[in-house]
Amino acid sequence: MTAILVPMSVVPTIVVIEDDKDLSRYLEELLTSHRYLVYPVNQGVPAIKLVEQISPSLVLLDLTLPDIDGESVCTQLKKTFPSLPIIMLTAKDQGEQIVKGLNLGADDYITKPFNSDELLARVQARLRDNTKDPVIRIGDLEINTETFEVKRGEKNIPLTRTEYTLLHYLALNAGKVLTREMILSTVWAYTPDVESRVVDVYVGYLRQKIDKDFPQKLIVSVRGFGYMLRPPTP
């Protein structure tokens, strides 16, 4: 079944699928410094699952991955999310793979080593048509995904980066139950030695900031499953 992509375009969000740790870290730092929210993944199978969970604005995809090849990842993502922009990261000697990837639906490619300005220009070009309202609204909660400002009613709510990322993930899936494992793998992706109880701790932090001073509670626990950001009933 083909899914309708609900872009995280409300925030420029990029999944970087790259198994080279140094390059992945460089891409994360580069894109983050230009106000993108970045989720790095180093294998194809978990990358597909992550994209299905968060519906990003764009994917940067290395063609050579340790578990499955990038072409298979591209095929699966385009089958499920036809409108998802995918930019392939390729080596100079991967001409045949580039052609195949483009035929499979990839939108663009850039060869390694690449110029950072060129990469940013290609990313911006693929996101240029993204004109949706940058503010996520759930009841009286507002999340500005360009400035990363959060308000509830007239109250400005300062959040740490991790708190914001968690709230953003909950908001994108408002009305859906997210398990601790889903939250952990998305918000704390590839952070070593992190236990599931950290989810409970940070949900507690968010409740203190988002819900404490308001009669309508938005963040709810679903016993035995996880957490949900529940839109208020009319």
C-alpha atoms as a PDB file:
ATOM      1  CA  MET A   1       0.000   0.000   0.000  1.00  0.00           C
ATOM      2  CA  THR A   2       1.291   3.465  -0.881  1.00  0.00           C
ATOM      3  CA  ALA A   3       1.416   5.807   2.073  1.00  0.00           C
ATOM      4  CA  ILE A   4       0.739   9.514   1.932  1.00  0.00           C
ATOM      5  CA  LEU A   5       3.827  11.345   3.094  1.00  0.00           C
ATOM      6  CA  VAL A   6       3.009  13.835   5.788  1.00  0.00           C
ATOM      7  CA  PRO A   7       6.217  15.833   5.591  1.00  0.00           C
ATOM      8  CA  MET A   8       8.043  16.865   8.658  1.00  0.00           C
ATOM      9  CA  SER A   9       8.310  19.895   6.351  1.00  0.00           C
ATOM     10  CA  VAL A  10       6.879  21.850   9.160  1.00  0.00           C
ATOM     11  CA  VAL A  11      10.487  21.434  10.191  1.00  0.00           C
ATOM     12  CA  PRO A  12      13.288  20.761   7.712  1.00  0.00           C
ATOM     13  CA  THR A  13      14.077  17.262   8.921  1.00  0.00           C
ATOM     14  CA  ILE A  14      16.667  15.034   7.289  1.00  0.00           C
ATOM     15  CA  VAL A  15      17.447  11.359   7.788  1.00  0.00           C
ATOM     16  CA  VAL A  16      21.113  10.702   6.975  1.00  0.00           C
ATOM     17  CA  ILE A  17      21.706   7.051   6.051  1.00  0.00           C
ATOM     18  CA  GLU A  18      25.483   6.676   6.103  1.00  0.00           C
ATOM     19  CA  ASP A  19      27.634   3.957   7.689  1.00  0.00           C
ATOM     20  CA  ASP A  20      30.884   5.958   7.705  1.00  0.00           C
ATOM     21  CA  LYS A  21      30.836   7.345  11.248  1.00  0.00           C
ATOM     22  CA  ASP A  22      33.109  10.302  10.504  1.00  0.00           C
ATOM     23  CA  LEU A  23      31.125  11.347   7.436  1.00  0.00           C
ATOM     24  CA  SER A  24      27.826  10.829   9.242  1.00  0.00           C
ATOM     25  CA  ARG A  25      28.999  13.009  12.124  1.00  0.00           C
ATOM     26  CA  TYR A  26      30.198  15.687   9.687  1.00  0.00           C
ATOM     27  CA  LEU A  27      26.864  15.705   7.849  1.00  0.00           C
ATOM     28  CA  GLU A  28      24.956  15.911  11.115  1.00  0.00           C
ATOM     29  CA  GLU A  29      27.030  18.878  12.298  1.00  0.00           C
ATOM     30  CA  LEU A  30      26.837  20.637   8.922  1.00  0.00           C
ATOM     31  CA  LEU A  31      23.080  20.264   8.538  1.00  0.00           C
ATOM     32  CA  THR A  32      22.338  21.029  12.177  1.00  0.00           C
ATOM     33  CA  SER A  33      24.337  24.264  11.891  1.00  0.00           C
ATOM     34  CA  HIS A  34      21.962  25.278   9.077  1.00  0.00           C
ATOM     35  CA  ARG A  35      18.862  24.707  11.228  1.00  0.00           C
ATOM     36  CA  TYR A  36      17.923  21.240  10.006  1.00  0.00           C
ATOM     37  CA  LEU A  37      16.832  18.568  12.450  1.00  0.00           C
ATOM     38  CA  VAL A  38      19.001  15.548  11.654  1.00  0.00           C
ATOM     39  CA  TYR A  39      18.524  11.845  12.399  1.00  0.00           C
ATOM     40  CA  PRO A  40      21.654   9.805  11.537  1.00  0.00           C
ATOM     41  CA  VAL A  41      21.289   6.077  10.839  1.00  0.00           C
ATOM     42  CA  ASN A  42      24.082   3.694   9.821  1.00  0.00           C
ATOM     43  CA  GLN A  43      22.106   0.772   8.349  1.00  0.00           C
ATOM     44  CA  GLY A  44      19.327   0.394   5.813  1.00  0.00           C
ATOM     45  CA  VAL A  45      16.729  -1.661   7.686  1.00  0.00           C
ATOM     46  CA  PRO A  46      16.516   0.585  10.778  1.00  0.00           C
ATOM     47  CA  ALA A  47      16.575   3.598   8.447  1.00  0.00           C
ATOM     48  CA  ILE A  48      13.444   2.391   6.672  1.00  0.00           C
ATOM     49  CA  LYS A  49      11.713   1.899  10.017  1.00  0.00           C
ATOM     50  CA  LEU A  50      12.768   5.363  11.172  1.00  0.00           C
ATOM     51  CA  VAL A  51      11.440   7.032   8.022  1.00  0.00           C
ATOM     52  CA  GLU A  52       8.136   5.228   8.490  1.00  0.00           C
ATOM     53  CA  GLN A  53       7.964   6.573  12.050  1.00  0.00           C
ATOM     54  CA  ILE A  54       8.868  10.221  11.526  1.00  0.00           C
ATOM     55  CA  SER A  55       8.100  11.037   7.838  1.00  0.00           C
ATOM     56  CA  PRO A  56      11.107  13.325   7.283  1.00  0.00           C
ATOM     57  CA  SER A  57      11.438  16.162   4.800  1.00  0.00           C
ATOM     58  CA  LEU A  58      14.340  14.544   2.942  1.00  0.00           C
ATOM     59  CA  VAL A  59      16.706  11.560   2.982  1.00  0.00           C
ATOM     60  CA  LEU A  60      20.438  11.526   2.271  1.00  0.00           C
ATOM     61  CA  LEU A  61      21.223   7.946   1.257  1.00  0.00           C
ATOM     62  CA  ASP A  62      24.610   6.270   0.904  1.00  0.00           C
ATOM     63  CA  LEU A  63      24.458   3.522  -1.710  1.00  0.00           C
ATOM     64  CA  THR A  64      26.849   1.218   0.159  1.00  0.00           C
ATOM     65  CA  LEU A  65      25.456   0.029   3.496  1.00  0.00           C
ATOM     66  CA  PRO A  66      26.445  -2.911   5.721  1.00  0.00           C
ATOM     67  CA  ASP A  67      23.084  -4.698   5.810  1.00  0.00           C
ATOM     68  CA  ILE A  68      21.196  -3.995   2.575  1.00  0.00           C
ATOM     69  CA  ASP A  69      22.220  -1.910  -0.423  1.00  0.00           C
ATOM     70  CA  GLY A  70      21.077   1.660  -0.854  1.00  0.00           C
ATOM     71  CA  GLU A  71      19.158   0.789  -4.006  1.00  0.00           C
ATOM     72  CA  SER A  72      16.889  -1.521  -2.011  1.00  0.00           C
ATOM     73  CA  VAL A  73      16.383   1.199   0.586  1.00  0.00           C
ATOM     74  CA  CYS A  74      15.483   3.676  -2.155  1.00  0.00           C
ATOM     75  CA  THR A  75      13.017   1.243  -3.718  1.00  0.00           C
ATOM     76  CA  GLN A  76      11.268   0.572  -0.412  1.00  0.00           C
ATOM     77  CA  LEU A  77      11.080   4.229   0.590  1.00  0.00           C
ATOM     78  CA  LYS A  78       9.740   5.359  -2.774  1.00  0.00           C
ATOM     79  CA  LYS A  79       7.195   2.542  -2.775  1.00  0.00           C
ATOM     80  CA  THR A  80       5.856   3.701   0.571  1.00  0.00           C
ATOM     81  CA  PHE A  81       6.507   7.451   0.259  1.00  0.00           C
ATOM     82  CA  PRO A  82       6.519   8.437  -3.439  1.00  0.00           C
ATOM     83  CA  SER A  83       6.928  12.156  -2.713  1.00  0.00           C
ATOM     84  CA  LEU A  84       9.858  11.800  -0.298  1.00  0.00           C
ATOM     85  CA  PRO A  85      12.965  13.532  -1.742  1.00  0.00           C
ATOM     86  CA  ILE A  86      16.016  11.247  -1.762  1.00  0.00           C
ATOM     87  CA  ILE A  87      19.550  12.431  -2.528  1.00  0.00           C
ATOM     88  CA  MET A  88      22.087   9.660  -3.073  1.00  0.00           C
ATOM     89  CA  LEU A  89      25.624   9.910  -1.694  1.00  0.00           C
ATOM     90  CA  THR A  90      27.866   8.118  -4.183  1.00  0.00           C
ATOM     91  CA  ALA A  91      31.491   7.425  -5.036  1.00  0.00           C
ATOM     92  CA  LYS A  92      32.884   8.642  -8.350  1.00  0.00           C
ATOM     93  CA  ASP A  93      33.124   5.084  -9.683  1.00  0.00           C
ATOM     94  CA  GLN A  94      29.465   4.223  -9.022  1.00  0.00           C
ATOM     95  CA  GLY A  95      28.097   5.413 -12.352  1.00  0.00           C
ATOM     96  CA  GLU A  96      25.912   2.358 -12.944  1.00  0.00           C
ATOM     97  CA  GLN A  97      24.484   2.522  -9.433  1.00  0.00           C
ATOM     98  CA  ILE A  98      23.711   6.222  -9.892  1.00  0.00           C
ATOM     99  CA  VAL A  99      21.737   5.525 -13.056  1.00  0.00           C
ATOM    100  CA  LYS A 100      19.925   2.637 -11.396  1.00  0.00           C
ATOM    101  CA  GLY A 101      19.159   4.729  -8.322  1.00  0.00           C
ATOM    102  CA  LEU A 102      17.725   7.546 -10.405  1.00  0.00           C
ATOM    103  CA  ASN A 103      15.633   5.045 -12.339  1.00  0.00           C
ATOM    104  CA  LEU A 104      14.354   3.669  -9.029  1.00  0.00           C
ATOM    105  CA  GLY A 105      13.106   7.107  -8.033  1.00  0.00           C
ATOM    106  CA  ALA A 106      15.988   8.908  -6.323  1.00  0.00           C
ATOM    107  CA  ASP A 107      15.695  12.637  -6.950  1.00  0.00           C
ATOM    108  CA  ASP A 108      19.349  13.654  -7.072  1.00  0.00           C
ATOM    109  CA  TYR A 109      22.873  12.535  -6.261  1.00  0.00           C
ATOM    110  CA  ILE A 110      26.161  14.013  -5.113  1.00  0.00           C
ATOM    111  CA  THR A 111      29.548  12.330  -5.400  1.00  0.00           C
ATOM    112  CA  LYS A 112      32.061  11.981  -2.588  1.00  0.00           C
ATOM    113  CA  PRO A 113      34.140  13.878  -1.691  1.00  0.00           C
ATOM    114  CA  PHE A 114      31.701  16.765  -2.036  1.00  0.00           C
ATOM    115  CA  ASN A 115      31.719  20.478  -1.370  1.00  0.00           C
ATOM    116  CA  SER A 116      29.573  21.394   1.623  1.00  0.00           C
ATOM    117  CA  ASP A 117      28.050  24.386  -0.180  1.00  0.00           C
ATOM    118  CA  GLU A 118      27.029  22.166  -3.088  1.00  0.00           C
ATOM    119  CA  LEU A 119      25.417  19.653  -0.748  1.00  0.00           C
ATOM    120  CA  LEU A 120      23.492  22.389   1.054  1.00  0.00           C
ATOM    121  CA  ALA A 121      22.370  23.872  -2.262  1.00  0.00           C
ATOM    122  CA  ARG A 122      21.059  20.507  -3.451  1.00  0.00           C
ATOM    123  CA  VAL A 123      19.232  19.948  -0.168  1.00  0.00           C
ATOM    124  CA  GLN A 124      17.693  23.424  -0.303  1.00  0.00           C
ATOM    125  CA  ALA A 125      16.646  22.920  -3.918  1.00  0.00           C
ATOM    126  CA  ARG A 126      14.790  19.716  -3.033  1.00  0.00           C
ATOM    127  CA  LEU A 127      13.059  21.416  -0.117  1.00  0.00           C
ATOM    128  CA  ARG A 128      12.273  24.668  -1.930  1.00  0.00           C
ATOM    129  CA  ASP A 129       8.680  23.734  -2.687  1.00  0.00           C
ATOM    130  CA  ASN A 130       8.056  23.129   0.973  1.00  0.00           C
ATOM    131  CA  THR A 131       5.737  26.019   1.811  1.00  0.00           C
ATOM    132  CA  LYS A 132       3.701  24.589   4.649  1.00  0.00           C
ATOM    133  CA  ASP A 133       3.062  26.505   7.858  1.00  0.00           C
ATOM    134  CA  PRO A 134       6.163  25.995  10.034  1.00  0.00           C
ATOM    135  CA  VAL A 135       4.066  25.892  13.191  1.00  0.00           C
ATOM    136  CA  ILE A 136       2.595  22.648  14.544  1.00  0.00           C
ATOM    137  CA  ARG A 137      -0.562  23.412  16.524  1.00  0.00           C
ATOM    138  CA  ILE A 138      -2.161  20.970  18.913  1.00  0.00           C
ATOM    139  CA  GLY A 139      -4.826  22.680  20.933  1.00  0.00           C
ATOM    140  CA  ASP A 140      -3.163  25.709  22.538  1.00  0.00           C
ATOM    141  CA  LEU A 141       0.304  24.190  22.094  1.00  0.00           C
ATOM    142  CA  GLU A 142       2.407  25.722  19.319  1.00  0.00           C
ATOM    143  CA  ILE A 143       5.742  24.359  18.104  1.00  0.00           C
ATOM    144  CA  ASN A 144       7.588  26.604  15.665  1.00  0.00           C
ATOM    145  CA  THR A 145       9.784  24.239  13.710  1.00  0.00           C
ATOM    146  CA  GLU A 146      11.871  26.990  12.126  1.00  0.00           C
ATOM    147  CA  THR A 147      12.769  28.937  15.268  1.00  0.00           C
ATOM    148  CA  PHE A 148      12.370  25.937  17.639  1.00  0.00           C
ATOM    149  CA  GLU A 149      10.206  28.083  19.917  1.00  0.00           C
ATOM    150  CA  VAL A 150       7.439  26.426  21.914  1.00  0.00           C
ATOM    151  CA  LYS A 151       4.393  28.170  23.371  1.00  0.00           C
ATOM    152  CA  ARG A 152       1.333  27.046  25.231  1.00  0.00           C
ATOM    153  CA  GLY A 153      -1.331  29.697  25.324  1.00  0.00           C
ATOM    154  CA  GLU A 154       0.613  32.921  25.868  1.00  0.00           C
ATOM    155  CA  LYS A 155       3.419  31.204  27.774  1.00  0.00           C
ATOM    156  CA  ASN A 156       6.811  30.739  26.115  1.00  0.00           C
ATOM    157  CA  ILE A 157       8.321  27.399  27.114  1.00  0.00           C
ATOM    158  CA  PRO A 158      12.117  27.019  26.868  1.00  0.00           C
ATOM    159  CA  LEU A 159      13.222  23.465  26.092  1.00  0.00           C
ATOM    160  CA  THR A 160      16.560  21.726  25.813  1.00  0.00           C
ATOM    161  CA  ARG A 161      17.465  20.154  22.473  1.00  0.00           C
ATOM    162  CA  THR A 162      16.504  16.677  23.680  1.00  0.00           C
ATOM    163  CA  GLU A 163      13.231  17.903  25.177  1.00  0.00           C
ATOM    164  CA  TYR A 164      12.391  19.659  21.915  1.00  0.00           C
ATOM    165  CA  THR A 165      13.221  16.596  19.825  1.00  0.00           C
ATOM    166  CA  LEU A 166      11.027  14.423  22.048  1.00  0.00           C
ATOM    167  CA  LEU A 167       8.124  16.888  21.960  1.00  0.00           C
ATOM    168  CA  HIS A 168       8.469  17.241  18.189  1.00  0.00           C
ATOM    169  CA  TYR A 169       8.318  13.465  17.732  1.00  0.00           C
ATOM    170  CA  LEU A 170       5.250  13.210  19.975  1.00  0.00           C
ATOM    171  CA  ALA A 171       3.578  16.090  18.123  1.00  0.00           C
ATOM    172  CA  LEU A 172       4.170  14.563  14.692  1.00  0.00           C
ATOM    173  CA  ASN A 173       2.418  11.447  15.965  1.00  0.00           C
ATOM    174  CA  ALA A 174      -0.290  13.234  17.962  1.00  0.00           C
ATOM    175  CA  GLY A 175      -3.094  10.846  18.849  1.00  0.00           C
ATOM    176  CA  LYS A 176      -0.864   7.786  18.392  1.00  0.00           C
ATOM    177  CA  VAL A 177       0.702   5.703  21.133  1.00  0.00           C
ATOM    178  CA  LEU A 178       4.501   5.599  20.925  1.00  0.00           C
ATOM    179  CA  THR A 179       6.299   2.837  22.778  1.00  0.00           C
ATOM    180  CA  ARG A 180       9.393   3.548  24.826  1.00  0.00           C
ATOM    181  CA  GLU A 181      11.401   1.561  22.285  1.00  0.00           C
ATOM    182  CA  MET A 182      10.124   3.720  19.406  1.00  0.00           C
ATOM    183  CA  ILE A 183      10.928   6.909  21.291  1.00  0.00           C
ATOM    184  CA  LEU A 184      14.348   5.647  22.365  1.00  0.00           C
ATOM    185  CA  SER A 185      15.360   4.580  18.853  1.00  0.00           C
ATOM    186  CA  THR A 186      14.251   7.907  17.371  1.00  0.00           C
ATOM    187  CA  VAL A 187      15.191  10.539  19.939  1.00  0.00           C
ATOM    188  CA  TRP A 188      18.304   8.792  21.255  1.00  0.00           C
ATOM    189  CA  ALA A 189      19.271   7.003  18.031  1.00  0.00           C
ATOM    190  CA  TYR A 190      22.677   5.359  18.350  1.00  0.00           C
ATOM    191  CA  THR A 191      23.457   7.021  21.670  1.00  0.00           C
ATOM    192  CA  PRO A 192      25.410   4.346  23.557  1.00  0.00           C
ATOM    193  CA  ASP A 193      24.454   3.046  26.995  1.00  0.00           C
ATOM    194  CA  VAL A 194      21.026   4.680  27.104  1.00  0.00           C
ATOM    195  CA  GLU A 195      18.333   2.762  28.985  1.00  0.00           C
ATOM    196  CA  SER A 196      14.604   2.958  28.341  1.00  0.00           C
ATOM    197  CA  ARG A 197      13.971   4.692  31.653  1.00  0.00           C
ATOM    198  CA  VAL A 198      15.524   7.845  30.199  1.00  0.00           C
ATOM    199  CA  VAL A 199      12.294   8.158  28.200  1.00  0.00           C
ATOM    200  CA  ASP A 200      10.256   8.309  31.408  1.00  0.00           C
ATOM    201  CA  VAL A 201      12.630  10.905  32.842  1.00  0.00           C
ATOM    202  CA  TYR A 202      12.345  13.215  29.841  1.00  0.00           C
ATOM    203  CA  VAL A 203       8.594  12.768  29.537  1.00  0.00           C
ATOM    204  CA  GLY A 204       8.496  13.901  33.161  1.00  0.00           C
ATOM    205  CA  TYR A 205      10.537  16.984  32.258  1.00  0.00           C
ATOM    206  CA  LEU A 206       8.138  17.791  29.420  1.00  0.00           C
ATOM    207  CA  ARG A 207       5.082  17.364  31.614  1.00  0.00           C
ATOM    208  CA  GLN A 208       6.510  19.854  34.094  1.00  0.00           C
ATOM    209  CA  LYS A 209       6.963  22.391  31.313  1.00  0.00           C
ATOM    210  CA  ILE A 210       4.044  21.638  28.991  1.00  0.00           C
ATOM    211  CA  ASP A 211       1.223  20.446  31.259  1.00  0.00           C
ATOM    212  CA  LYS A 212       1.881  21.496  34.850  1.00  0.00           C
ATOM    213  CA  ASP A 213       0.277  24.957  34.692  1.00  0.00           C
ATOM    214  CA  PHE A 214      -2.645  23.959  32.464  1.00  0.00           C
ATOM    215  CA  PRO A 215      -5.888  22.128  33.324  1.00  0.00           C
ATOM    216  CA  GLN A 216      -5.914  20.266  29.982  1.00  0.00           C
ATOM    217  CA  LYS A 217      -3.128  17.668  30.033  1.00  0.00           C
ATOM    218  CA  LEU A 218      -1.717  16.824  26.604  1.00  0.00           C
ATOM    219  CA  ILE A 219       0.956  14.226  27.422  1.00  0.00           C
ATOM    220  CA  VAL A 220      -0.652  11.004  28.608  1.00  0.00           C
ATOM    221  CA  SER A 221       0.647   7.596  29.668  1.00  0.00           C
ATOM    222  CA  VAL A 222      -0.839   4.488  28.113  1.00  0.00           C
ATOM    223  CA  ARG A 223      -0.231   1.766  30.659  1.00  0.00           C
ATOM    224  CA  GLY A 224       1.788  -1.136  29.314  1.00  0.00           C
ATOM    225  CA  PHE A 225       2.544   0.608  26.019  1.00  0.00           C
ATOM    226  CA  GLY A 226       4.100   4.064  26.197  1.00  0.00           C
ATOM    227  CA  TYR A 227       3.130   7.695  25.730  1.00  0.00           C
ATOM    228  CA  MET A 228       0.922   9.831  23.540  1.00  0.00           C
ATOM    229  CA  LEU A 229       0.427  13.515  22.871  1.00  0.00           C
ATOM    230  CA  ARG A 230      -3.360  13.624  22.920  1.00  0.00           C
ATOM    231  CA  PRO A 231      -5.089  16.445  21.048  1.00  0.00           C
ATOM    232  CA  PRO A 232      -7.806  18.083  23.161  1.00  0.00           C
ATOM    233  CA  THR A 233     -11.350  17.045  22.364  1.00  0.00           C
ATOM    234  CA  PRO A 234     -13.605  19.745  20.868  1.00  0.00           C
END
